[in-house]
Amino acid sequence: MDLRDDVTKVQRLLTKGMRAVRARRAVRAALALRPPVPDGTVEVAVYFTDGPENLYQLDQWFEPLRRLHERHHVTVLSRHWETTQALLGTCPVPVHHAPDIDGVEAFLRRQPVRAVLYVNQNQANFSAMRFADPAHVFICHGESDKDYMSSNQLKAYDRVFIAGTAARERILRKLIGFEESHLIEVGRPQVDVDYPAPPLPRDGRTVVLFAPTWEGDRASMRYSSVESHGPALVRSLLATGRHRVIYRPHPRTGIVLRSTKAAHDEIVRLIEAANKADASAGHVVDTSGGFGWQLSVSDVAVMDISAVAYDWLATAKPLLVTQPAEPRAQLPESGLVRELDLFTAADAARAASVVDAAVTQPDESHAALVRRYFGDTTPGASMARFLDACDDVIRERSAALAARAARLTDGRE
């Protein structure tokens, strides 16, 4: 068994190495056909060190970054060859490849970067945080009540963009000595983006978005319902002929637990069989492309404790949040999961009736939750707050750098 595992590891390393070689060649060829990012132009850099498996954290920011690029030149700094290859084909703002920290330093030396944005808490972020001139801003890749959202790591950033009052309360309740003035509420700009949706039949079916999270890399973060709820829930909905299922699993589903991967495969088989039996059913297995269109076409959502549940919350449509089946999973002490009745694995087999009840009997407290988590969700409000917040950060940092330069010129430092 140990030998087989070792062989498998070696094969994976070789495969990974070959992918990197091919990506490096492709990136160099693509960049050779493009003009370089002009020196002295970039005001905002988005620092992303992860591989392509985590691009979902960045691609949801594409449209807000495109809008920001209209005001301030934005460039994504990518450190991973395969990630850069993918971004060159999809990202709406310029992309610069910096394979090592020397490359990052050279780029920042040539550009008047006033703000560096981060969408995750990768420890490699801190290699860029030694550069003192730009403001370092954590924008995250979603809103949730996970411990991740109130980590002590937030103290490392000059500013932290948050969704609303609930996030502010969460952070100040947990962190000791955190400076509240570093928090800027911007809502969720992604809800102000119109995403093109695939054509679905308009036949009166209730469209149910089942978007579970992955199983996590530790038991305390095992919120996924793929294995505990998934197969029974999907069977219940497929059997009615009145529901349409959009199954949107997390991109990392099944990479830690084989049992989760098996449950995912079973859900996919169930949906494919249902579509084969009824060509008009229109059920969807959504494992590629961006997230956003699902919010507009669905009538109700079943989600885990994850960021997508909070994106859905802003739609004001019914939401069912699952109760983690893992007994060691640590539920937030407060927040959304404490304000909703959680959907248990025991109820998954009667998911159709639970969903129907949620649609016909809306929760009157929903609007209040939306305001607490996102503030003003009037169309366009969140995008405007994000862009204005970036304006403020850039203006403040420019003024601070000018003041420092004046002091140096006057010999006061």
Foldseek 3Di string as FASTA:
>chain_A
DVVVVVVVVVVVVVVVVVVQVVLQVLLVVVVVVPDDDDFAAAAEEEEDEDAPLPCLLPVLCQVLVLVLCVVGQYEYEYQGSRNSSVCVVPHPHHYDYQNDLVSVVVRCVRYNYAEYEYAAVPVVVVSVLVDPQHFYEYAHRFDFLDVRLQDPCVQSGQAYEAFFQVSLCSNVVPDPPRDSVRYAHQHRCSLLDDDDDDDADPDQAAEEEEEEEAQDPDLQARFGCLQLQNPLLLVQQLPPLRYAYEYHYRSCHCVRDVSRVVSVVNNVVVNVVSCVVPVNRRHHDDNDDHDDNCLVPHQEYEYERDRVQLVNLLSLHHYAYADGPRPNHDDRPDDDPVVDDHDYSVCSNNNVVVVVCCNVPPDPCSVVNNCRRHNDSDNPRSSVSVSVVVVVSSVVSVVVVVVVVVCVVVVVD
